[in-house]
């Protein structure tokens, strides 16, 4: 097919920047912060979007885009329905990975680690900060369940909109936060001739070992 030929011929040279083990930060969180500041500086679209990859107890992988809602030395936070497909995976297998891809900067970051739940208090605090409509939606959607149609979902939304009209919207029992506690990072910077820079950090007790991978 002609489309196959056109895909095979897609090419892009990477020339914007470089990365070396001599100039990166000793702490990968600090290095991530530097790169994320560039994402904000250049006002890239959907700045906090990240791909979350999980797998169940049988090793079946699943990946999807979620939104980063905070990061620190403790890890990377996001929120979801605990009974969603991702929630079930995490319950069975806490090992997971994150991927950030910023095409405009010719950069990506891979992060691996273990996921655990945030406290109910922290989940409630974030839930209260969400737009009103998003809070109604959290109650209305039994995420990842099969539903008969769009009308069903909109009727459930209307139901909770009416239920909480003029009242405080409580935290849904199956909704809250997660944090991925990292033990591995890879910072990828596109370079010419496909000789990309791949600088990695691996947790060793309380320190991070820094090394380079072949592209």
N, C-alpha and C. Protein backbone atom coordinates (compact mmCIF):
# COMPACT_ATOMS: atom_id res chain seq x y z
N UNK A 1 0.84 -1.20 0.00
CA UNK A 1 0.00 0.00 0.00
C UNK A 1 0.87 1.25 0.00
N UNK A 2 0.41 2.27 -0.66
CA UNK A 2 1.15 3.52 -0.75
C UNK A 2 1.41 4.14 0.61
N UNK A 3 0.42 3.99 1.51
CA UNK A 3 0.58 4.59 2.84
C UNK A 3 1.77 3.97 3.57
N UNK A 4 2.03 2.67 3.35
CA UNK A 4 3.17 2.02 3.98
C UNK A 4 4.49 2.63 3.53
N UNK A 5 4.58 2.92 2.24
CA UNK A 5 5.79 3.54 1.71
C UNK A 5 6.00 4.92 2.32
N UNK A 6 4.93 5.67 2.47
CA UNK A 6 5.06 7.02 3.01
C UNK A 6 5.48 6.97 4.47
N UNK A 7 4.99 6.00 5.23
CA UNK A 7 5.39 5.87 6.63
C UNK A 7 6.86 5.50 6.72
N UNK A 8 7.32 4.60 5.88
CA UNK A 8 8.73 4.20 5.88
C UNK A 8 9.66 5.36 5.60
N UNK A 9 9.18 6.34 4.87
CA UNK A 9 10.03 7.46 4.47
C UNK A 9 9.95 8.64 5.44
N UNK A 10 9.16 8.51 6.48
CA UNK A 10 9.09 9.61 7.45
C UNK A 10 10.41 9.72 8.19
N UNK A 11 11.00 10.89 8.19
CA UNK A 11 12.29 11.11 8.83
C UNK A 11 12.31 12.47 9.52
N UNK A 12 13.07 12.54 10.61
CA UNK A 12 13.28 13.82 11.28
C UNK A 12 14.68 13.82 11.86
N UNK A 13 15.41 14.89 11.63
CA UNK A 13 16.73 15.02 12.25
C UNK A 13 16.57 15.80 13.56
N UNK A 14 17.29 15.36 14.58
CA UNK A 14 17.23 15.99 15.89
C UNK A 14 18.48 16.82 16.12
N UNK A 15 18.29 18.14 16.28
CA UNK A 15 19.45 19.04 16.35
C UNK A 15 19.35 20.09 17.45
N UNK A 16 18.32 20.04 18.25
CA UNK A 16 18.07 21.15 19.16
C UNK A 16 19.03 21.23 20.35
N UNK A 17 19.42 20.07 20.90
CA UNK A 17 20.17 20.12 22.14
C UNK A 17 21.00 18.86 22.32
N UNK A 18 21.70 18.79 23.45
CA UNK A 18 22.48 17.60 23.79
C UNK A 18 22.44 17.39 25.30
N UNK A 19 22.88 16.22 25.73
CA UNK A 19 22.83 15.87 27.15
C UNK A 19 24.03 14.99 27.47
N UNK A 20 24.67 15.26 28.60
CA UNK A 20 25.82 14.45 28.98
C UNK A 20 25.79 14.13 30.47
N UNK A 21 26.42 13.03 30.84
CA UNK A 21 26.48 12.63 32.24
C UNK A 21 27.29 13.60 33.08
N UNK A 22 28.13 14.42 32.43
CA UNK A 22 28.93 15.39 33.16
C UNK A 22 28.14 16.64 33.55
N UNK A 23 27.07 16.92 32.83
CA UNK A 23 26.34 18.17 33.08
C UNK A 23 24.97 17.98 33.71
N UNK A 24 24.46 16.74 33.78
CA UNK A 24 23.15 16.53 34.38
C UNK A 24 23.22 16.72 35.89
N UNK A 25 22.07 16.93 36.49
CA UNK A 25 21.97 17.04 37.94
C UNK A 25 22.24 15.70 38.61
N UNK A 26 22.76 15.72 39.83
CA UNK A 26 23.02 14.47 40.56
C UNK A 26 21.72 13.76 40.96
N UNK A 27 20.66 14.55 41.14
CA UNK A 27 19.36 14.02 41.52
C UNK A 27 18.43 14.04 40.31
N UNK A 28 17.88 12.90 39.89
CA UNK A 28 17.03 12.88 38.69
C UNK A 28 15.77 13.73 38.82
N UNK A 29 15.28 13.90 40.04
CA UNK A 29 14.10 14.77 40.22
C UNK A 29 14.46 16.20 39.84
N UNK A 30 15.67 16.63 40.22
CA UNK A 30 16.13 17.98 39.86
C UNK A 30 16.29 18.10 38.35
N UNK A 31 16.80 17.04 37.72
CA UNK A 31 16.94 17.07 36.26
C UNK A 31 15.57 17.12 35.59
N UNK A 32 14.62 16.34 36.11
CA UNK A 32 13.26 16.38 35.57
C UNK A 32 12.67 17.78 35.73
N UNK A 33 12.91 18.40 36.88
CA UNK A 33 12.39 19.74 37.13
C UNK A 33 12.92 20.74 36.11
N UNK A 34 14.22 20.64 35.79
CA UNK A 34 14.81 21.53 34.78
C UNK A 34 14.12 21.36 33.44
N UNK A 35 13.93 20.11 33.04
CA UNK A 35 13.28 19.87 31.76
C UNK A 35 11.82 20.28 31.78
N UNK A 36 11.15 20.06 32.89
CA UNK A 36 9.74 20.44 32.94
C UNK A 36 9.58 21.96 32.91
N UNK A 37 10.54 22.68 33.47
CA UNK A 37 10.51 24.15 33.38
C UNK A 37 10.58 24.60 31.93
N UNK A 38 11.35 23.88 31.11
CA UNK A 38 11.39 24.20 29.67
C UNK A 38 10.05 23.94 29.01
N UNK A 39 9.38 22.87 29.42
CA UNK A 39 8.04 22.56 28.88
C UNK A 39 7.08 23.71 29.16
N UNK A 40 7.14 24.23 30.38
CA UNK A 40 6.28 25.35 30.77
C UNK A 40 6.71 26.63 30.05
N UNK A 41 8.01 26.85 29.99
CA UNK A 41 8.55 28.06 29.36
C UNK A 41 8.11 28.18 27.91
N UNK A 42 8.15 27.08 27.18
CA UNK A 42 7.80 27.11 25.76
C UNK A 42 6.30 26.86 25.53
N UNK A 43 5.55 26.78 26.63
CA UNK A 43 4.09 26.67 26.58
C UNK A 43 3.64 25.54 25.65
N UNK A 44 4.22 24.35 25.88
CA UNK A 44 3.85 23.21 25.06
C UNK A 44 2.43 22.76 25.38
N UNK A 45 1.73 22.15 24.42
CA UNK A 45 0.37 21.68 24.67
C UNK A 45 0.34 20.52 25.66
N UNK A 46 -0.72 20.48 26.48
CA UNK A 46 -0.94 19.40 27.44
C UNK A 46 0.36 19.05 28.18
N UNK A 47 0.87 20.06 28.90
CA UNK A 47 2.21 19.98 29.48
C UNK A 47 2.40 18.84 30.46
N UNK A 48 1.34 18.48 31.19
CA UNK A 48 1.48 17.46 32.23
C UNK A 48 0.97 16.08 31.82
N UNK A 49 0.80 15.87 30.52
CA UNK A 49 0.35 14.56 30.04
C UNK A 49 1.50 13.56 30.12
N UNK A 50 1.19 12.35 30.58
CA UNK A 50 2.21 11.30 30.66
C UNK A 50 1.53 9.96 30.37
N UNK A 51 2.29 9.05 29.79
CA UNK A 51 1.79 7.71 29.54
C UNK A 51 2.12 6.84 30.74
N UNK A 52 1.09 6.24 31.31
CA UNK A 52 1.24 5.32 32.44
C UNK A 52 1.09 3.90 31.92
N UNK A 53 2.11 3.08 32.12
CA UNK A 53 2.06 1.67 31.71
C UNK A 53 2.02 0.80 32.95
N UNK A 54 1.03 -0.09 32.99
CA UNK A 54 0.87 -1.03 34.10
C UNK A 54 0.71 -2.43 33.53
N UNK A 55 0.76 -3.42 34.40
CA UNK A 55 0.45 -4.79 33.98
C UNK A 55 -0.22 -5.52 35.12
N UNK A 56 -1.02 -6.52 34.79
CA UNK A 56 -1.72 -7.26 35.83
C UNK A 56 -0.85 -8.40 36.36
N UNK A 57 -1.41 -9.24 37.19
CA UNK A 57 -0.63 -10.31 37.82
C UNK A 57 -0.12 -11.34 36.81
N UNK A 58 -0.75 -11.38 35.62
CA UNK A 58 -0.32 -12.31 34.58
C UNK A 58 0.67 -11.68 33.60
N UNK A 59 1.02 -10.42 33.84
CA UNK A 59 1.98 -9.74 32.99
C UNK A 59 1.39 -9.10 31.76
N UNK A 60 0.05 -9.04 31.65
CA UNK A 60 -0.59 -8.39 30.50
C UNK A 60 -0.44 -6.87 30.64
N UNK A 61 0.25 -6.22 29.70
CA UNK A 61 0.48 -4.78 29.82
C UNK A 61 -0.65 -3.93 29.27
N UNK A 62 -0.81 -2.75 29.83
CA UNK A 62 -1.75 -1.75 29.34
C UNK A 62 -1.12 -0.38 29.53
N UNK A 63 -1.30 0.49 28.54
CA UNK A 63 -0.78 1.85 28.63
C UNK A 63 -1.87 2.84 28.28
N UNK A 64 -1.84 4.00 28.93
CA UNK A 64 -2.81 5.06 28.66
C UNK A 64 -2.22 6.40 29.10
N UNK A 65 -2.81 7.48 28.61
CA UNK A 65 -2.36 8.82 29.01
C UNK A 65 -3.13 9.27 30.25
N UNK A 66 -2.39 9.73 31.25
CA UNK A 66 -2.99 10.33 32.44
C UNK A 66 -2.29 11.67 32.67
N UNK A 67 -2.75 12.42 33.65
CA UNK A 67 -2.18 13.74 33.91
C UNK A 67 -1.38 13.75 35.21
N UNK A 68 -0.16 14.25 35.11
CA UNK A 68 0.69 14.44 36.29
C UNK A 68 0.10 15.57 37.13
N UNK A 69 -0.04 15.33 38.44
CA UNK A 69 -0.62 16.34 39.32
C UNK A 69 0.32 16.78 40.43
N UNK A 70 1.59 16.48 40.27
CA UNK A 70 2.58 16.93 41.23
C UNK A 70 3.76 15.99 41.27
N UNK A 71 4.95 16.53 41.54
CA UNK A 71 6.12 15.68 41.70
C UNK A 71 7.07 16.29 42.71
N UNK A 72 7.82 15.43 43.37
CA UNK A 72 8.80 15.83 44.38
C UNK A 72 9.76 14.67 44.55
N UNK A 73 10.65 14.77 45.53
CA UNK A 73 11.55 13.66 45.80
C UNK A 73 10.79 12.40 46.21
N UNK A 74 9.55 12.56 46.63
CA UNK A 74 8.74 11.41 47.04
C UNK A 74 8.22 10.63 45.83
N UNK A 75 8.01 11.31 44.70
CA UNK A 75 7.50 10.63 43.53
C UNK A 75 6.59 11.48 42.67
N UNK A 76 5.82 10.81 41.80
CA UNK A 76 4.99 11.45 40.79
C UNK A 76 3.53 11.10 41.04
N UNK A 77 2.67 12.12 41.18
CA UNK A 77 1.29 11.91 41.61
C UNK A 77 0.30 12.00 40.44
N UNK A 78 -0.72 11.17 40.52
CA UNK A 78 -1.85 11.25 39.60
C UNK A 78 -3.08 10.72 40.32
N UNK A 79 -4.25 10.94 39.72
CA UNK A 79 -5.51 10.57 40.37
C UNK A 79 -6.37 9.78 39.40
N UNK A 80 -7.18 8.86 39.97
CA UNK A 80 -8.02 8.02 39.13
C UNK A 80 -9.07 7.31 39.98
N UNK A 81 -9.86 6.50 39.29
CA UNK A 81 -10.83 5.62 39.96
C UNK A 81 -10.11 4.34 40.36
N UNK A 82 -10.20 3.98 41.62
CA UNK A 82 -9.49 2.80 42.12
C UNK A 82 -10.00 1.49 41.50
N UNK A 83 -11.23 1.50 40.96
CA UNK A 83 -11.79 0.29 40.35
C UNK A 83 -11.68 0.29 38.84
N UNK A 84 -10.94 1.25 38.29
CA UNK A 84 -10.70 1.28 36.85
C UNK A 84 -9.74 0.16 36.48
N UNK A 85 -9.51 -0.03 35.18
CA UNK A 85 -8.58 -1.08 34.75
C UNK A 85 -7.18 -0.81 35.28
N UNK A 86 -6.77 0.46 35.31
CA UNK A 86 -5.45 0.77 35.85
C UNK A 86 -5.39 0.51 37.35
N UNK A 87 -6.50 0.82 38.05
CA UNK A 87 -6.55 0.57 39.49
C UNK A 87 -6.44 -0.91 39.81
N UNK A 88 -7.08 -1.74 39.00
CA UNK A 88 -7.01 -3.19 39.21
C UNK A 88 -5.60 -3.71 38.94
N UNK A 89 -4.97 -3.18 37.89
CA UNK A 89 -3.59 -3.57 37.60
C UNK A 89 -2.67 -3.23 38.77
N UNK A 90 -2.80 -2.01 39.28
CA UNK A 90 -1.93 -1.55 40.36
C UNK A 90 -2.12 -2.39 41.62
N UNK A 91 -3.36 -2.80 41.85
CA UNK A 91 -3.65 -3.64 43.01
C UNK A 91 -2.95 -4.99 42.90
N UNK A 92 -2.88 -5.52 41.68
CA UNK A 92 -2.26 -6.83 41.45
C UNK A 92 -0.75 -6.75 41.30
N UNK A 93 -0.27 -5.63 40.76
CA UNK A 93 1.16 -5.48 40.46
C UNK A 93 1.53 -4.01 40.57
N UNK A 94 2.22 -3.65 41.63
CA UNK A 94 2.51 -2.23 41.89
C UNK A 94 3.64 -1.67 41.03
N UNK A 95 4.36 -2.52 40.30
CA UNK A 95 5.43 -2.04 39.42
C UNK A 95 4.81 -1.39 38.18
N UNK A 96 5.32 -0.21 37.82
CA UNK A 96 4.75 0.52 36.68
C UNK A 96 5.80 1.47 36.11
N UNK A 97 5.48 2.07 34.98
CA UNK A 97 6.39 3.04 34.39
C UNK A 97 5.61 4.23 33.83
N UNK A 98 6.31 5.35 33.74
CA UNK A 98 5.76 6.58 33.18
C UNK A 98 6.61 6.98 31.98
N UNK A 99 5.97 7.62 31.00
CA UNK A 99 6.69 8.15 29.85
C UNK A 99 6.20 9.55 29.55
N UNK A 100 7.12 10.50 29.52
CA UNK A 100 6.84 11.86 29.08
C UNK A 100 7.51 12.04 27.73
N UNK A 101 6.78 12.55 26.73
CA UNK A 101 7.36 12.79 25.41
C UNK A 101 7.02 14.21 24.99
N UNK A 102 8.07 15.00 24.76
CA UNK A 102 7.92 16.39 24.35
C UNK A 102 8.59 16.56 22.99
N UNK A 103 7.81 16.31 21.93
CA UNK A 103 8.35 16.29 20.57
C UNK A 103 8.99 17.62 20.20
N UNK A 104 8.39 18.72 20.64
CA UNK A 104 8.89 20.04 20.27
C UNK A 104 10.30 20.29 20.81
N UNK A 105 10.65 19.63 21.91
CA UNK A 105 11.98 19.77 22.51
C UNK A 105 12.89 18.59 22.18
N UNK A 106 12.36 17.64 21.41
CA UNK A 106 13.10 16.43 21.05
C UNK A 106 13.59 15.69 22.29
N UNK A 107 12.67 15.54 23.25
CA UNK A 107 13.03 14.92 24.53
C UNK A 107 11.97 13.93 24.97
N UNK A 108 12.40 12.93 25.72
CA UNK A 108 11.48 12.06 26.44
C UNK A 108 12.13 11.62 27.74
N UNK A 109 11.28 11.30 28.71
CA UNK A 109 11.75 10.80 30.00
C UNK A 109 10.98 9.54 30.34
N UNK A 110 11.70 8.46 30.65
CA UNK A 110 11.09 7.23 31.14
C UNK A 110 11.38 7.08 32.62
N UNK A 111 10.37 6.72 33.39
CA UNK A 111 10.52 6.56 34.83
C UNK A 111 9.89 5.25 35.25
N UNK A 112 10.61 4.46 36.04
CA UNK A 112 10.10 3.19 36.54
C UNK A 112 10.07 3.21 38.06
N UNK A 113 9.13 2.48 38.65
CA UNK A 113 9.06 2.43 40.10
C UNK A 113 7.86 1.65 40.59
N UNK A 114 7.53 1.88 41.84
CA UNK A 114 6.39 1.22 42.48
C UNK A 114 5.31 2.26 42.78
N UNK A 115 4.06 1.85 42.61
CA UNK A 115 2.93 2.75 42.86
C UNK A 115 2.25 2.39 44.17
N UNK A 116 1.89 3.42 44.92
CA UNK A 116 1.08 3.22 46.12
C UNK A 116 0.03 4.33 46.18
N UNK A 117 -0.99 4.11 46.99
CA UNK A 117 -2.07 5.09 47.13
C UNK A 117 -1.63 6.27 47.98
N UNK A 118 -2.16 7.43 47.64
CA UNK A 118 -2.01 8.59 48.51
C UNK A 118 -3.02 8.49 49.64
N UNK A 119 -2.83 9.27 50.68
CA UNK A 119 -3.76 9.25 51.81
C UNK A 119 -5.12 9.81 51.38
N UNK A 120 -6.15 9.41 52.10
CA UNK A 120 -7.49 9.92 51.82
C UNK A 120 -7.53 11.43 52.01
N UNK A 121 -6.79 11.94 52.99
CA UNK A 121 -6.74 13.37 53.25
C UNK A 121 -6.19 14.13 52.04
N UNK A 122 -5.10 13.62 51.47
CA UNK A 122 -4.52 14.29 50.31
C UNK A 122 -5.43 14.17 49.09
N UNK A 123 -6.07 13.02 48.93
CA UNK A 123 -7.01 12.83 47.83
C UNK A 123 -8.20 13.79 47.95
N UNK A 124 -8.71 13.94 49.17
CA UNK A 124 -9.83 14.85 49.41
C UNK A 124 -9.44 16.29 49.08
N UNK A 125 -8.23 16.68 49.49
CA UNK A 125 -7.76 18.04 49.24
C UNK A 125 -7.70 18.33 47.75
N UNK A 126 -7.15 17.39 46.97
CA UNK A 126 -7.09 17.59 45.53
C UNK A 126 -8.48 17.58 44.91
N UNK A 127 -9.31 16.63 45.36
CA UNK A 127 -10.68 16.53 44.82
C UNK A 127 -11.43 17.84 45.00
N UNK A 128 -11.26 18.47 46.16
CA UNK A 128 -11.94 19.73 46.44
C UNK A 128 -11.47 20.86 45.53
N UNK A 129 -10.25 20.73 44.99
CA UNK A 129 -9.69 21.79 44.14
C UNK A 129 -10.14 21.65 42.68
N UNK A 130 -10.75 20.53 42.34
CA UNK A 130 -11.16 20.29 40.96
C UNK A 130 -12.38 21.15 40.60
N UNK A 131 -12.55 21.45 39.31
CA UNK A 131 -13.76 22.16 38.90
C UNK A 131 -15.00 21.37 39.31
N UNK A 132 -16.08 22.06 39.56
CA UNK A 132 -17.33 21.44 40.00
C UNK A 132 -17.75 20.31 39.06
N UNK A 133 -17.67 20.57 37.76
CA UNK A 133 -18.10 19.60 36.77
C UNK A 133 -17.26 18.32 36.83
N UNK A 134 -15.96 18.47 37.11
CA UNK A 134 -15.09 17.30 37.20
C UNK A 134 -15.43 16.45 38.41
N UNK A 135 -15.86 17.09 39.49
CA UNK A 135 -16.26 16.34 40.68
C UNK A 135 -17.55 15.55 40.42
N UNK A 136 -18.50 16.17 39.72
CA UNK A 136 -19.71 15.44 39.35
C UNK A 136 -19.35 14.24 38.48
N UNK A 137 -18.42 14.44 37.54
CA UNK A 137 -18.03 13.38 36.61
C UNK A 137 -17.38 12.21 37.34
N UNK A 138 -16.59 12.50 38.39
CA UNK A 138 -15.96 11.43 39.15
C UNK A 138 -17.00 10.52 39.79
N UNK A 139 -18.10 11.10 40.24
CA UNK A 139 -19.19 10.30 40.80
C UNK A 139 -19.96 9.57 39.71
N UNK A 140 -20.13 10.21 38.57
CA UNK A 140 -20.99 9.65 37.52
C UNK A 140 -20.36 8.48 36.77
N UNK A 141 -19.03 8.49 36.67
CA UNK A 141 -18.37 7.49 35.83
C UNK A 141 -17.80 6.33 36.63
N UNK A 142 -18.32 5.13 36.38
CA UNK A 142 -17.70 3.90 36.89
C UNK A 142 -16.63 3.52 35.88
N UNK A 143 -15.50 4.18 35.98
CA UNK A 143 -14.47 4.11 34.94
C UNK A 143 -14.11 2.69 34.55
N UNK A 144 -14.04 2.47 33.26
CA UNK A 144 -13.65 1.21 32.61
C UNK A 144 -14.77 0.17 32.54
N UNK A 145 -15.94 0.46 33.12
CA UNK A 145 -17.06 -0.47 33.03
C UNK A 145 -17.81 -0.29 31.71
N UNK A 146 -18.36 -1.36 31.18
CA UNK A 146 -19.18 -1.28 29.98
C UNK A 146 -20.50 -0.59 30.31
N UNK A 147 -20.89 0.38 29.48
CA UNK A 147 -22.15 1.09 29.68
C UNK A 147 -22.98 1.01 28.40
N UNK A 148 -24.32 1.13 28.51
CA UNK A 148 -25.18 0.95 27.33
C UNK A 148 -25.11 2.06 26.30
N UNK A 149 -24.61 3.24 26.69
CA UNK A 149 -24.55 4.33 25.72
C UNK A 149 -24.24 5.66 26.38
N UNK A 150 -24.10 6.69 25.53
CA UNK A 150 -23.78 8.04 26.03
C UNK A 150 -24.89 8.59 26.91
N UNK A 151 -26.13 8.31 26.54
CA UNK A 151 -27.26 8.81 27.33
C UNK A 151 -27.20 8.33 28.78
N UNK A 152 -26.81 7.08 28.97
CA UNK A 152 -26.69 6.51 30.32
C UNK A 152 -25.72 7.33 31.16
N UNK A 153 -24.59 7.68 30.56
CA UNK A 153 -23.56 8.44 31.28
C UNK A 153 -24.07 9.85 31.61
N UNK A 154 -24.72 10.48 30.67
CA UNK A 154 -25.20 11.84 30.89
C UNK A 154 -26.32 11.88 31.93
N UNK A 155 -27.15 10.84 31.97
CA UNK A 155 -28.20 10.76 32.99
C UNK A 155 -27.60 10.59 34.38
N UNK A 156 -26.54 9.79 34.48
CA UNK A 156 -25.86 9.63 35.77
C UNK A 156 -25.22 10.94 36.21
N UNK A 157 -24.64 11.66 35.27
CA UNK A 157 -24.05 12.96 35.59
C UNK A 157 -25.12 13.90 36.14
N UNK A 158 -26.26 13.94 35.47
CA UNK A 158 -27.37 14.80 35.88
C UNK A 158 -27.86 14.40 37.27
N UNK A 159 -27.89 13.11 37.54
CA UNK A 159 -28.33 12.60 38.83
C UNK A 159 -27.47 13.14 39.96
N UNK A 160 -26.15 13.10 39.79
CA UNK A 160 -25.25 13.56 40.86
C UNK A 160 -25.18 15.08 40.90
N UNK A 161 -25.39 15.72 39.75
CA UNK A 161 -25.46 17.18 39.73
C UNK A 161 -26.63 17.65 40.60
N UNK A 162 -27.76 16.95 40.51
CA UNK A 162 -28.93 17.29 41.31
C UNK A 162 -28.74 16.88 42.77
N UNK A 163 -28.13 15.72 42.99
CA UNK A 163 -27.94 15.23 44.35
C UNK A 163 -27.09 16.18 45.19
N UNK A 164 -26.03 16.74 44.57
CA UNK A 164 -25.11 17.60 45.32
C UNK A 164 -25.39 19.09 45.12
N UNK A 165 -26.51 19.43 44.51
CA UNK A 165 -26.84 20.84 44.27
C UNK A 165 -26.88 21.61 45.59
N UNK A 166 -26.02 22.59 45.71
CA UNK A 166 -25.99 23.42 46.92
C UNK A 166 -25.35 22.76 48.11
N UNK A 167 -24.77 21.57 47.91
CA UNK A 167 -24.16 20.84 49.02
C UNK A 167 -22.67 20.60 48.76
N UNK A 168 -21.97 20.23 49.80
CA UNK A 168 -20.56 19.87 49.66
C UNK A 168 -20.48 18.51 48.95
N UNK A 169 -19.61 18.43 47.96
CA UNK A 169 -19.46 17.19 47.20
C UNK A 169 -18.40 16.33 47.88
N UNK A 170 -18.81 15.21 48.41
CA UNK A 170 -17.88 14.34 49.12
C UNK A 170 -16.99 13.58 48.15
N UNK A 171 -15.91 13.05 48.66
CA UNK A 171 -14.99 12.26 47.86
C UNK A 171 -15.61 10.91 47.54
N UNK A 172 -15.69 10.52 46.26
CA UNK A 172 -16.22 9.19 45.95
C UNK A 172 -15.38 8.10 46.62
N UNK A 173 -16.00 7.04 47.11
CA UNK A 173 -15.26 6.02 47.85
C UNK A 173 -14.22 5.28 47.02
N UNK A 174 -14.41 5.24 45.71
CA UNK A 174 -13.47 4.51 44.85
C UNK A 174 -12.61 5.44 43.99
N UNK A 175 -12.39 6.65 44.48
CA UNK A 175 -11.62 7.62 43.69
C UNK A 175 -10.55 8.25 44.57
N UNK A 176 -9.36 8.44 44.01
CA UNK A 176 -8.30 9.07 44.82
C UNK A 176 -6.97 9.07 44.11
N UNK A 177 -5.93 9.34 44.88
CA UNK A 177 -4.61 9.56 44.31
C UNK A 177 -3.66 8.38 44.42
N UNK A 178 -2.69 8.41 43.52
CA UNK A 178 -1.58 7.46 43.52
C UNK A 178 -0.28 8.23 43.44
N UNK A 179 0.80 7.59 43.87
CA UNK A 179 2.12 8.15 43.68
C UNK A 179 3.06 7.04 43.21
N UNK A 180 3.79 7.32 42.13
CA UNK A 180 4.81 6.39 41.67
C UNK A 180 6.13 6.79 42.31
N UNK A 181 6.67 5.90 43.11
CA UNK A 181 7.95 6.13 43.78
C UNK A 181 9.05 5.59 42.88
N UNK A 182 9.88 6.45 42.30
CA UNK A 182 10.81 6.01 41.25
C UNK A 182 12.06 5.31 41.76
N UNK A 183 12.54 4.37 40.96
CA UNK A 183 13.84 3.75 41.22
C UNK A 183 14.72 3.75 39.97
N UNK A 184 14.17 4.29 38.86
CA UNK A 184 14.93 4.33 37.61
C UNK A 184 14.42 5.47 36.73
N UNK A 185 15.34 6.20 36.12
CA UNK A 185 15.02 7.27 35.17
C UNK A 185 15.86 7.10 33.91
N UNK A 186 15.28 7.45 32.77
CA UNK A 186 16.07 7.61 31.55
C UNK A 186 15.68 8.92 30.89
N UNK A 187 16.65 9.80 30.69
CA UNK A 187 16.45 11.07 29.99
C UNK A 187 17.01 10.92 28.58
N UNK A 188 16.14 11.10 27.61
CA UNK A 188 16.49 10.90 26.20
C UNK A 188 16.46 12.24 25.48
N UNK A 189 17.57 12.59 24.87
CA UNK A 189 17.66 13.81 24.07
C UNK A 189 17.99 13.43 22.64
N UNK A 190 17.13 13.79 21.70
CA UNK A 190 17.37 13.47 20.31
C UNK A 190 18.64 14.13 19.79
N UNK A 191 19.43 13.39 19.00
CA UNK A 191 20.66 13.93 18.41
C UNK A 191 20.73 13.55 16.93
N UNK A 192 21.64 14.16 16.21
CA UNK A 192 21.79 13.92 14.78
C UNK A 192 22.23 12.48 14.50
N UNK A 193 21.85 11.99 13.31
CA UNK A 193 22.26 10.66 12.83
C UNK A 193 21.78 9.53 13.74
N UNK A 194 20.73 9.77 14.49
CA UNK A 194 20.15 8.79 15.41
C UNK A 194 21.11 8.39 16.55
N UNK A 195 22.15 9.19 16.78
CA UNK A 195 23.07 8.93 17.89
C UNK A 195 22.57 9.70 19.12
N UNK A 196 21.40 9.31 19.60
CA UNK A 196 20.72 10.03 20.66
C UNK A 196 21.46 9.90 22.00
N UNK A 197 21.27 10.89 22.86
CA UNK A 197 21.79 10.83 24.22
C UNK A 197 20.77 10.15 25.12
N UNK A 198 21.21 9.14 25.86
CA UNK A 198 20.35 8.43 26.83
C UNK A 198 21.11 8.37 28.16
N UNK A 199 20.75 9.27 29.07
CA UNK A 199 21.40 9.33 30.37
C UNK A 199 20.42 8.76 31.42
N UNK A 200 20.91 7.79 32.18
CA UNK A 200 20.05 7.06 33.11
C UNK A 200 20.49 7.22 34.56
N UNK A 201 19.52 7.05 35.44
CA UNK A 201 19.76 7.05 36.89
C UNK A 201 19.14 5.78 37.46
N UNK A 202 19.90 5.06 38.27
CA UNK A 202 19.36 3.88 38.95
C UNK A 202 19.58 4.03 40.45
N UNK A 203 18.51 3.81 41.22
CA UNK A 203 18.59 3.98 42.67
C UNK A 203 19.42 2.86 43.29
N UNK A 204 20.40 3.25 44.08
CA UNK A 204 21.21 2.31 44.84
C UNK A 204 21.23 2.76 46.29
N UNK A 205 20.37 2.13 47.08
CA UNK A 205 20.15 2.54 48.48
C UNK A 205 19.71 3.99 48.52
N UNK A 206 20.56 4.91 49.00
CA UNK A 206 20.13 6.31 49.10
C UNK A 206 20.72 7.17 47.98
N UNK A 207 21.52 6.58 47.09
CA UNK A 207 22.17 7.33 46.03
C UNK A 207 21.67 6.90 44.66
N UNK A 208 21.94 7.78 43.68
CA UNK A 208 21.59 7.48 42.30
C UNK A 208 22.85 7.25 41.49
N UNK A 209 22.93 6.12 40.82
CA UNK A 209 24.03 5.84 39.90
C UNK A 209 23.67 6.39 38.53
N UNK A 210 24.59 7.16 37.93
CA UNK A 210 24.34 7.78 36.62
C UNK A 210 25.17 7.05 35.57
N UNK A 211 24.54 6.70 34.44
CA UNK A 211 25.26 6.03 33.36
C UNK A 211 24.59 6.33 32.03
N UNK A 212 25.29 6.02 30.95
CA UNK A 212 24.79 6.26 29.59
C UNK A 212 24.48 4.95 28.90
N UNK A 213 23.42 4.95 28.09
CA UNK A 213 23.07 3.80 27.26
C UNK A 213 23.32 4.12 25.78
N UNK A 214 23.68 3.11 25.02
CA UNK A 214 23.80 3.28 23.56
C UNK A 214 22.41 3.56 23.00
N UNK A 215 22.34 4.40 21.98
CA UNK A 215 21.03 4.75 21.40
C UNK A 215 20.43 3.62 20.59
